[in-house]
Amino acid sequence: MSHQFKLISDKEVYFTEKELFAFLLEKIHATSQEKDELKRSEEYTKNIFELLNNEIIANANFNQLFTLFFLSGFYYANFLSKNEVQIIEKNEEE
């Protein structure tokens, strides 16, 4: 099923959901090498897993876990951008 998207420029484009995701993933892949957030995704994943209750992990299916991780990343990114957060690296030894 194709969806109509109206862009800021008032141009209308049509994509299926799969085509839109393919386009977005291609853009993410093209820029992923230069983004610190994507380079540190393994660290983010580890932190989220440590915060999840064992019962949730045991009872959730793959899609539910994926949704938890996706939404955590989505809200994390929104928090950073909407609050104009500046991340200051700190050595753990200090």
C-alpha atoms as a PDB file:
ATOM      1  CA  MET A   1       0.000   0.000   0.000  1.00  0.00           C
ATOM      2  CA  SER A   2       1.410   3.370  -1.005  1.00  0.00           C
ATOM      3  CA  HIS A   3       1.202   6.379   1.306  1.00  0.00           C
ATOM      4  CA  GLN A   4       1.126  10.021   0.340  1.00  0.00           C
ATOM      5  CA  PHE A   5       3.587  12.318   2.099  1.00  0.00           C
ATOM      6  CA  LYS A   6       3.399  16.094   1.830  1.00  0.00           C
ATOM      7  CA  LEU A   7       6.802  17.707   2.231  1.00  0.00           C
ATOM      8  CA  ILE A   8       7.554  21.147   3.667  1.00  0.00           C
ATOM      9  CA  SER A   9       8.012  22.408   0.111  1.00  0.00           C
ATOM     10  CA  ASP A  10       4.366  21.373  -0.602  1.00  0.00           C
ATOM     11  CA  LYS A  11       5.660  18.658  -2.920  1.00  0.00           C
ATOM     12  CA  GLU A  12       3.770  15.393  -2.626  1.00  0.00           C
ATOM     13  CA  VAL A  13       5.588  12.065  -2.834  1.00  0.00           C
ATOM     14  CA  TYR A  14       4.335   8.509  -2.646  1.00  0.00           C
ATOM     15  CA  PHE A  15       6.106   5.630  -0.908  1.00  0.00           C
ATOM     16  CA  THR A  16       5.157   2.281   0.471  1.00  0.00           C
ATOM     17  CA  GLU A  17       6.214   1.866   4.086  1.00  0.00           C
ATOM     18  CA  LYS A  18       8.934  -0.549   2.996  1.00  0.00           C
ATOM     19  CA  GLU A  19      10.302   1.934   0.410  1.00  0.00           C
ATOM     20  CA  LEU A  20      10.356   4.720   2.991  1.00  0.00           C
ATOM     21  CA  PHE A  21      12.223   2.563   5.521  1.00  0.00           C
ATOM     22  CA  ALA A  22      14.694   1.493   2.834  1.00  0.00           C
ATOM     23  CA  PHE A  23      15.321   5.154   1.988  1.00  0.00           C
ATOM     24  CA  LEU A  24      15.779   6.104   5.646  1.00  0.00           C
ATOM     25  CA  LEU A  25      18.104   3.168   6.354  1.00  0.00           C
ATOM     26  CA  GLU A  26      20.212   4.114   3.348  1.00  0.00           C
ATOM     27  CA  LYS A  27      20.555   7.675   4.706  1.00  0.00           C
ATOM     28  CA  ILE A  28      21.416   6.385   8.178  1.00  0.00           C
ATOM     29  CA  HIS A  29      24.043   4.028   6.785  1.00  0.00           C
ATOM     30  CA  ALA A  30      25.583   6.800   4.678  1.00  0.00           C
ATOM     31  CA  THR A  31      26.036   9.075   7.699  1.00  0.00           C
ATOM     32  CA  SER A  32      26.624   6.492  10.443  1.00  0.00           C
ATOM     33  CA  GLN A  33      30.403   6.594  10.233  1.00  0.00           C
ATOM     34  CA  GLU A  34      30.554  10.180  11.478  1.00  0.00           C
ATOM     35  CA  LYS A  35      27.940  10.109  14.235  1.00  0.00           C
ATOM     36  CA  ASP A  36      29.158   9.446  17.776  1.00  0.00           C
ATOM     37  CA  GLU A  37      25.688   8.314  18.873  1.00  0.00           C
ATOM     38  CA  LEU A  38      25.733   5.465  16.367  1.00  0.00           C
ATOM     39  CA  LYS A  39      29.316   4.552  17.199  1.00  0.00           C
ATOM     40  CA  ARG A  40      28.321   4.231  20.845  1.00  0.00           C
ATOM     41  CA  SER A  41      25.133   2.250  20.208  1.00  0.00           C
ATOM     42  CA  GLU A  42      26.627  -0.914  21.719  1.00  0.00           C
ATOM     43  CA  GLU A  43      27.236   0.975  24.971  1.00  0.00           C
ATOM     44  CA  TYR A  44      23.669   2.322  24.906  1.00  0.00           C
ATOM     45  CA  THR A  45      22.280  -1.170  24.317  1.00  0.00           C
ATOM     46  CA  LYS A  46      24.280  -2.560  27.255  1.00  0.00           C
ATOM     47  CA  ASN A  47      23.029   0.211  29.551  1.00  0.00           C
ATOM     48  CA  ILE A  48      19.393  -0.362  28.589  1.00  0.00           C
ATOM     49  CA  PHE A  49      19.728  -4.133  29.132  1.00  0.00           C
ATOM     50  CA  GLU A  50      21.155  -3.525  32.618  1.00  0.00           C
ATOM     51  CA  LEU A  51      18.136  -1.374  33.466  1.00  0.00           C
ATOM     52  CA  LEU A  52      15.530  -3.874  32.261  1.00  0.00           C
ATOM     53  CA  ASN A  53      13.926  -6.132  34.793  1.00  0.00           C
ATOM     54  CA  ASN A  54      14.795  -9.826  34.264  1.00  0.00           C
ATOM     55  CA  GLU A  55      11.080 -10.667  34.171  1.00  0.00           C
ATOM     56  CA  ILE A  56      10.571  -8.275  31.260  1.00  0.00           C
ATOM     57  CA  ILE A  57      13.472  -9.818  29.351  1.00  0.00           C
ATOM     58  CA  ALA A  58      12.241 -13.357  30.036  1.00  0.00           C
ATOM     59  CA  ASN A  59       8.659 -12.682  28.959  1.00  0.00           C
ATOM     60  CA  ALA A  60       9.160 -10.298  26.045  1.00  0.00           C
ATOM     61  CA  ASN A  61       9.385 -11.450  22.468  1.00  0.00           C
ATOM     62  CA  PHE A  62      11.908 -10.059  19.988  1.00  0.00           C
ATOM     63  CA  ASN A  63       9.551  -7.392  18.627  1.00  0.00           C
ATOM     64  CA  GLN A  64       8.716  -6.142  22.118  1.00  0.00           C
ATOM     65  CA  LEU A  65      12.404  -5.913  23.059  1.00  0.00           C
ATOM     66  CA  PHE A  66      13.190  -4.194  19.777  1.00  0.00           C
ATOM     67  CA  THR A  67      10.392  -1.688  20.442  1.00  0.00           C
ATOM     68  CA  LEU A  68      11.761  -0.976  23.940  1.00  0.00           C
ATOM     69  CA  PHE A  69      15.225  -0.301  22.543  1.00  0.00           C
ATOM     70  CA  PHE A  70      13.935   1.738  19.621  1.00  0.00           C
ATOM     71  CA  LEU A  71      11.724   3.926  21.789  1.00  0.00           C
ATOM     72  CA  SER A  72      14.502   4.390  24.339  1.00  0.00           C
ATOM     73  CA  GLY A  73      16.784   5.642  21.579  1.00  0.00           C
ATOM     74  CA  PHE A  74      14.048   7.780  20.049  1.00  0.00           C
ATOM     75  CA  TYR A  75      13.226   9.516  23.333  1.00  0.00           C
ATOM     76  CA  TYR A  76      16.922   9.852  24.170  1.00  0.00           C
ATOM     77  CA  ALA A  77      17.541  11.612  20.853  1.00  0.00           C
ATOM     78  CA  ASN A  78      14.495  13.848  21.381  1.00  0.00           C
ATOM     79  CA  PHE A  79      15.652  14.731  24.882  1.00  0.00           C
ATOM     80  CA  LEU A  80      19.095  15.715  23.585  1.00  0.00           C
ATOM     81  CA  SER A  81      17.814  17.792  20.690  1.00  0.00           C
ATOM     82  CA  LYS A  82      14.896  19.550  22.423  1.00  0.00           C
ATOM     83  CA  ASN A  83      16.942  20.470  25.481  1.00  0.00           C
ATOM     84  CA  GLU A  84      20.045  21.484  23.542  1.00  0.00           C
ATOM     85  CA  VAL A  85      22.133  19.156  25.702  1.00  0.00           C
ATOM     86  CA  GLN A  86      25.889  19.418  25.502  1.00  0.00           C
ATOM     87  CA  ILE A  87      27.602  16.156  26.422  1.00  0.00           C
ATOM     88  CA  ILE A  88      30.840  16.652  28.327  1.00  0.00           C
ATOM     89  CA  GLU A  89      33.058  13.590  28.398  1.00  0.00           C
ATOM     90  CA  LYS A  90      34.277  12.753  31.905  1.00  0.00           C
ATOM     91  CA  ASN A  91      36.956  10.245  32.826  1.00  0.00           C
ATOM     92  CA  GLU A  92      35.659   7.649  35.282  1.00  0.00           C
ATOM     93  CA  GLU A  93      38.939   7.835  37.192  1.00  0.00           C
ATOM     94  CA  GLU A  94      38.279  11.403  38.331  1.00  0.00           C
END
